[in-house]
N, C-alpha and C. Protein backbone atom coordinates (compact mmCIF):
# COMPACT_ATOMS: atom_id res chain seq x y z
N UNK A 1 5.86 -15.51 -5.31
CA UNK A 1 4.85 -14.48 -5.30
C UNK A 1 3.87 -14.66 -4.15
N UNK A 2 3.78 -15.84 -3.58
CA UNK A 2 2.81 -16.07 -2.51
C UNK A 2 3.07 -15.18 -1.30
N UNK A 3 4.34 -14.90 -1.01
CA UNK A 3 4.64 -14.11 0.17
C UNK A 3 4.06 -12.70 0.08
N UNK A 4 4.01 -12.14 -1.11
CA UNK A 4 3.45 -10.80 -1.28
C UNK A 4 2.00 -10.76 -0.82
N UNK A 5 1.24 -11.81 -1.03
CA UNK A 5 -0.17 -11.87 -0.62
C UNK A 5 -0.30 -11.72 0.90
N UNK A 6 0.69 -12.21 1.65
CA UNK A 6 0.64 -12.14 3.10
C UNK A 6 1.02 -10.75 3.61
N UNK A 7 1.71 -9.98 2.81
CA UNK A 7 2.26 -8.69 3.24
C UNK A 7 1.57 -7.54 2.53
N UNK A 8 0.30 -7.36 2.84
CA UNK A 8 -0.48 -6.30 2.23
C UNK A 8 -0.96 -5.35 3.32
N UNK A 9 -0.79 -4.06 3.10
CA UNK A 9 -1.31 -3.05 4.00
C UNK A 9 -2.44 -2.34 3.26
N UNK A 10 -3.66 -2.47 3.76
CA UNK A 10 -4.80 -1.81 3.16
C UNK A 10 -4.98 -0.45 3.82
N UNK A 11 -4.92 0.61 3.03
CA UNK A 11 -4.99 1.97 3.55
C UNK A 11 -6.44 2.44 3.54
N UNK A 12 -6.85 2.99 4.68
CA UNK A 12 -8.21 3.51 4.83
C UNK A 12 -8.19 4.92 5.39
N UNK A 13 -8.94 5.14 6.46
CA UNK A 13 -9.13 6.50 6.99
C UNK A 13 -8.31 6.83 8.23
N UNK A 14 -7.45 5.92 8.66
CA UNK A 14 -6.63 6.19 9.84
C UNK A 14 -5.50 7.17 9.48
N UNK A 15 -4.83 7.71 10.49
CA UNK A 15 -3.68 8.59 10.20
C UNK A 15 -2.58 7.85 9.43
N UNK A 16 -1.87 8.60 8.61
CA UNK A 16 -0.84 8.01 7.73
C UNK A 16 0.20 7.24 8.52
N UNK A 17 0.61 7.75 9.67
CA UNK A 17 1.67 7.09 10.43
C UNK A 17 1.27 5.69 10.90
N UNK A 18 -0.01 5.42 11.07
CA UNK A 18 -0.45 4.06 11.40
C UNK A 18 -0.06 3.09 10.29
N UNK A 19 -0.24 3.51 9.06
CA UNK A 19 0.09 2.65 7.91
C UNK A 19 1.59 2.57 7.70
N UNK A 20 2.30 3.67 7.93
CA UNK A 20 3.77 3.65 7.83
C UNK A 20 4.32 2.63 8.83
N UNK A 21 3.81 2.65 10.05
CA UNK A 21 4.25 1.70 11.07
C UNK A 21 3.98 0.26 10.64
N UNK A 22 2.82 0.03 10.03
CA UNK A 22 2.48 -1.32 9.55
C UNK A 22 3.46 -1.78 8.48
N UNK A 23 3.82 -0.89 7.56
CA UNK A 23 4.77 -1.24 6.49
C UNK A 23 6.15 -1.54 7.08
N UNK A 24 6.63 -0.65 7.95
CA UNK A 24 7.95 -0.83 8.55
C UNK A 24 7.98 -2.13 9.36
N UNK A 25 6.91 -2.43 10.08
CA UNK A 25 6.84 -3.67 10.87
C UNK A 25 6.93 -4.90 9.97
N UNK A 26 6.25 -4.87 8.82
CA UNK A 26 6.31 -6.00 7.89
C UNK A 26 7.76 -6.26 7.46
N UNK A 27 8.49 -5.19 7.10
CA UNK A 27 9.88 -5.37 6.67
C UNK A 27 10.75 -5.83 7.84
N UNK A 28 10.52 -5.29 9.04
CA UNK A 28 11.30 -5.71 10.21
C UNK A 28 11.05 -7.17 10.57
N UNK A 29 9.89 -7.70 10.17
CA UNK A 29 9.58 -9.11 10.42
C UNK A 29 10.08 -10.02 9.31
N UNK A 30 10.85 -9.48 8.37
CA UNK A 30 11.50 -10.31 7.37
C UNK A 30 10.83 -10.35 6.01
N UNK A 31 9.85 -9.51 5.76
CA UNK A 31 9.19 -9.51 4.45
C UNK A 31 10.15 -9.02 3.36
N UNK A 32 10.10 -9.66 2.19
CA UNK A 32 10.88 -9.21 1.05
C UNK A 32 10.15 -8.11 0.30
N UNK A 33 8.82 -8.19 0.30
CA UNK A 33 7.99 -7.20 -0.39
C UNK A 33 6.77 -6.89 0.48
N UNK A 34 6.31 -5.64 0.37
CA UNK A 34 5.07 -5.24 1.03
C UNK A 34 4.25 -4.46 0.02
N UNK A 35 2.98 -4.83 -0.13
CA UNK A 35 2.07 -4.12 -1.03
C UNK A 35 1.21 -3.17 -0.22
N UNK A 36 1.11 -1.93 -0.69
CA UNK A 36 0.24 -0.94 -0.08
C UNK A 36 -0.92 -0.75 -1.04
N UNK A 37 -2.16 -1.02 -0.57
CA UNK A 37 -3.32 -0.94 -1.45
C UNK A 37 -4.31 0.07 -0.91
N UNK A 38 -4.96 0.79 -1.82
CA UNK A 38 -6.00 1.75 -1.42
C UNK A 38 -6.97 1.96 -2.56
N UNK A 39 -8.16 2.47 -2.19
CA UNK A 39 -9.18 2.81 -3.19
C UNK A 39 -9.71 4.20 -2.90
N UNK A 40 -10.17 4.85 -3.95
CA UNK A 40 -10.87 6.12 -3.81
C UNK A 40 -10.06 7.21 -3.13
N UNK A 41 -10.69 7.83 -2.14
CA UNK A 41 -10.06 8.98 -1.47
C UNK A 41 -8.84 8.60 -0.65
N UNK A 42 -8.65 7.32 -0.37
CA UNK A 42 -7.49 6.88 0.42
C UNK A 42 -6.23 6.76 -0.43
N UNK A 43 -6.33 6.95 -1.74
CA UNK A 43 -5.16 6.80 -2.61
C UNK A 43 -4.05 7.77 -2.22
N UNK A 44 -4.37 9.01 -1.95
CA UNK A 44 -3.33 9.97 -1.58
C UNK A 44 -2.67 9.57 -0.26
N UNK A 45 -3.43 8.98 0.65
CA UNK A 45 -2.86 8.51 1.91
C UNK A 45 -1.91 7.34 1.67
N UNK A 46 -2.22 6.49 0.69
CA UNK A 46 -1.34 5.36 0.35
C UNK A 46 -0.02 5.87 -0.23
N UNK A 47 -0.10 6.88 -1.09
CA UNK A 47 1.12 7.47 -1.67
C UNK A 47 1.96 8.09 -0.55
N UNK A 48 1.31 8.83 0.35
CA UNK A 48 2.03 9.42 1.48
C UNK A 48 2.69 8.34 2.33
N UNK A 49 1.98 7.25 2.56
CA UNK A 49 2.52 6.14 3.35
C UNK A 49 3.81 5.61 2.72
N UNK A 50 3.78 5.35 1.42
CA UNK A 50 4.96 4.83 0.73
C UNK A 50 6.12 5.81 0.79
N UNK A 51 5.84 7.08 0.52
CA UNK A 51 6.91 8.08 0.48
C UNK A 51 7.53 8.30 1.86
N UNK A 52 6.71 8.37 2.90
CA UNK A 52 7.24 8.57 4.25
C UNK A 52 8.05 7.35 4.69
N UNK A 53 7.53 6.15 4.42
CA UNK A 53 8.24 4.93 4.80
C UNK A 53 9.61 4.87 4.11
N UNK A 54 9.63 5.19 2.81
CA UNK A 54 10.88 5.11 2.06
C UNK A 54 11.87 6.19 2.48
N UNK A 55 11.40 7.41 2.68
CA UNK A 55 12.32 8.52 2.93
C UNK A 55 12.82 8.56 4.37
N UNK A 56 12.03 8.10 5.33
CA UNK A 56 12.42 8.25 6.74
C UNK A 56 12.83 6.96 7.43
N UNK A 57 12.27 5.81 7.02
CA UNK A 57 12.42 4.62 7.84
C UNK A 57 13.08 3.43 7.16
N UNK A 58 12.99 3.31 5.84
CA UNK A 58 13.42 2.08 5.18
C UNK A 58 14.60 2.35 4.23
N UNK A 59 15.80 2.26 4.76
CA UNK A 59 16.98 2.45 3.93
C UNK A 59 17.16 1.26 3.00
N UNK A 60 17.36 1.53 1.72
CA UNK A 60 17.60 0.47 0.75
C UNK A 60 16.35 -0.11 0.12
N UNK A 61 15.19 0.13 0.70
CA UNK A 61 13.94 -0.36 0.13
C UNK A 61 13.54 0.53 -1.04
N UNK A 62 13.04 -0.08 -2.10
CA UNK A 62 12.66 0.68 -3.30
C UNK A 62 11.23 0.38 -3.72
N UNK A 63 10.70 1.25 -4.57
CA UNK A 63 9.39 0.99 -5.17
C UNK A 63 9.60 -0.01 -6.30
N UNK A 64 8.96 -1.14 -6.22
CA UNK A 64 9.09 -2.17 -7.26
C UNK A 64 8.10 -1.91 -8.38
N UNK A 65 6.81 -1.81 -8.02
CA UNK A 65 5.79 -1.54 -9.03
C UNK A 65 4.72 -0.63 -8.44
N UNK A 66 4.07 0.10 -9.32
CA UNK A 66 2.90 0.89 -8.97
C UNK A 66 1.83 0.58 -10.00
N UNK A 67 0.70 0.06 -9.53
CA UNK A 67 -0.39 -0.32 -10.43
C UNK A 67 -1.62 0.50 -10.09
N UNK A 68 -2.29 0.98 -11.12
CA UNK A 68 -3.55 1.68 -10.91
C UNK A 68 -4.65 0.95 -11.67
N UNK A 69 -5.87 1.16 -11.23
CA UNK A 69 -6.98 0.50 -11.91
C UNK A 69 -8.30 1.07 -11.45
N UNK A 70 -9.35 0.48 -11.96
CA UNK A 70 -10.71 0.86 -11.58
C UNK A 70 -11.46 -0.39 -11.17
N UNK A 71 -12.10 -0.33 -10.02
CA UNK A 71 -12.88 -1.44 -9.52
C UNK A 71 -14.35 -1.03 -9.54
N UNK A 72 -15.21 -1.97 -9.91
CA UNK A 72 -16.65 -1.73 -9.89
C UNK A 72 -17.19 -2.27 -8.58
N UNK A 73 -17.84 -1.41 -7.80
CA UNK A 73 -18.39 -1.86 -6.53
C UNK A 73 -19.90 -1.60 -6.50
N UNK A 74 -20.58 -2.42 -5.71
CA UNK A 74 -22.03 -2.28 -5.55
C UNK A 74 -22.31 -1.26 -4.45
N UNK A 75 -23.22 -0.32 -4.72
CA UNK A 75 -23.66 0.63 -3.71
C UNK A 75 -25.19 0.57 -3.64
N UNK A 76 -25.75 1.36 -2.76
CA UNK A 76 -27.20 1.41 -2.64
C UNK A 76 -27.85 1.91 -3.94
N UNK A 77 -27.10 2.74 -4.67
CA UNK A 77 -27.61 3.33 -5.91
C UNK A 77 -27.27 2.51 -7.15
N UNK A 78 -26.68 1.35 -6.96
CA UNK A 78 -26.28 0.52 -8.10
C UNK A 78 -24.77 0.36 -8.12
N UNK A 79 -24.24 0.17 -9.32
CA UNK A 79 -22.80 -0.03 -9.46
C UNK A 79 -22.11 1.31 -9.68
N UNK A 80 -20.89 1.42 -9.14
CA UNK A 80 -20.10 2.63 -9.34
C UNK A 80 -18.63 2.24 -9.51
N UNK A 81 -17.88 3.08 -10.20
CA UNK A 81 -16.46 2.84 -10.42
C UNK A 81 -15.65 3.56 -9.35
N UNK A 82 -14.65 2.85 -8.82
CA UNK A 82 -13.77 3.43 -7.82
C UNK A 82 -12.33 3.19 -8.26
N UNK A 83 -11.52 4.23 -8.26
CA UNK A 83 -10.11 4.09 -8.61
C UNK A 83 -9.37 3.33 -7.52
N UNK A 84 -8.32 2.61 -7.92
CA UNK A 84 -7.53 1.87 -6.95
C UNK A 84 -6.05 1.98 -7.30
N UNK A 85 -5.20 1.76 -6.28
CA UNK A 85 -3.75 1.79 -6.49
C UNK A 85 -3.12 0.69 -5.65
N UNK A 86 -2.04 0.13 -6.18
CA UNK A 86 -1.22 -0.83 -5.42
C UNK A 86 0.23 -0.42 -5.62
N UNK A 87 0.91 -0.14 -4.51
CA UNK A 87 2.32 0.23 -4.54
C UNK A 87 3.08 -0.90 -3.85
N UNK A 88 3.99 -1.54 -4.58
CA UNK A 88 4.77 -2.65 -4.02
C UNK A 88 6.17 -2.14 -3.71
N UNK A 89 6.55 -2.26 -2.45
CA UNK A 89 7.89 -1.91 -2.01
C UNK A 89 8.70 -3.18 -1.85
N UNK A 90 9.97 -3.14 -2.24
CA UNK A 90 10.81 -4.34 -2.19
C UNK A 90 12.12 -4.05 -1.45
N UNK A 91 12.50 -4.99 -0.60
CA UNK A 91 13.78 -4.89 0.12
C UNK A 91 14.90 -5.32 -0.82
N UNK A 92 16.11 -4.80 -0.59
CA UNK A 92 17.23 -5.23 -1.44
C UNK A 92 17.52 -6.70 -1.22
N UNK A 93 17.94 -7.39 -2.25
CA UNK A 93 18.22 -8.83 -2.17
C UNK A 93 19.64 -9.07 -1.72
């Protein structure tokens, strides 16, 4: 499981193809699994990243797990809840 920690793509506000390239690069460098993580408004971009990577670039790679949750973060106005997602893609063994 330690290798998964090294292969995480955090999705933010950049164009989707930047994250797709990061995922494809991880697999091309020999990763068995890559986790795509996002919070809040970036969740839809993370889903797009996984779907584009799987459908166009990564033959044989599958979705292993999809986890959703809520994280509490500190803001200027106090604490607030933010939704989060983790999509783990796995290469065939």
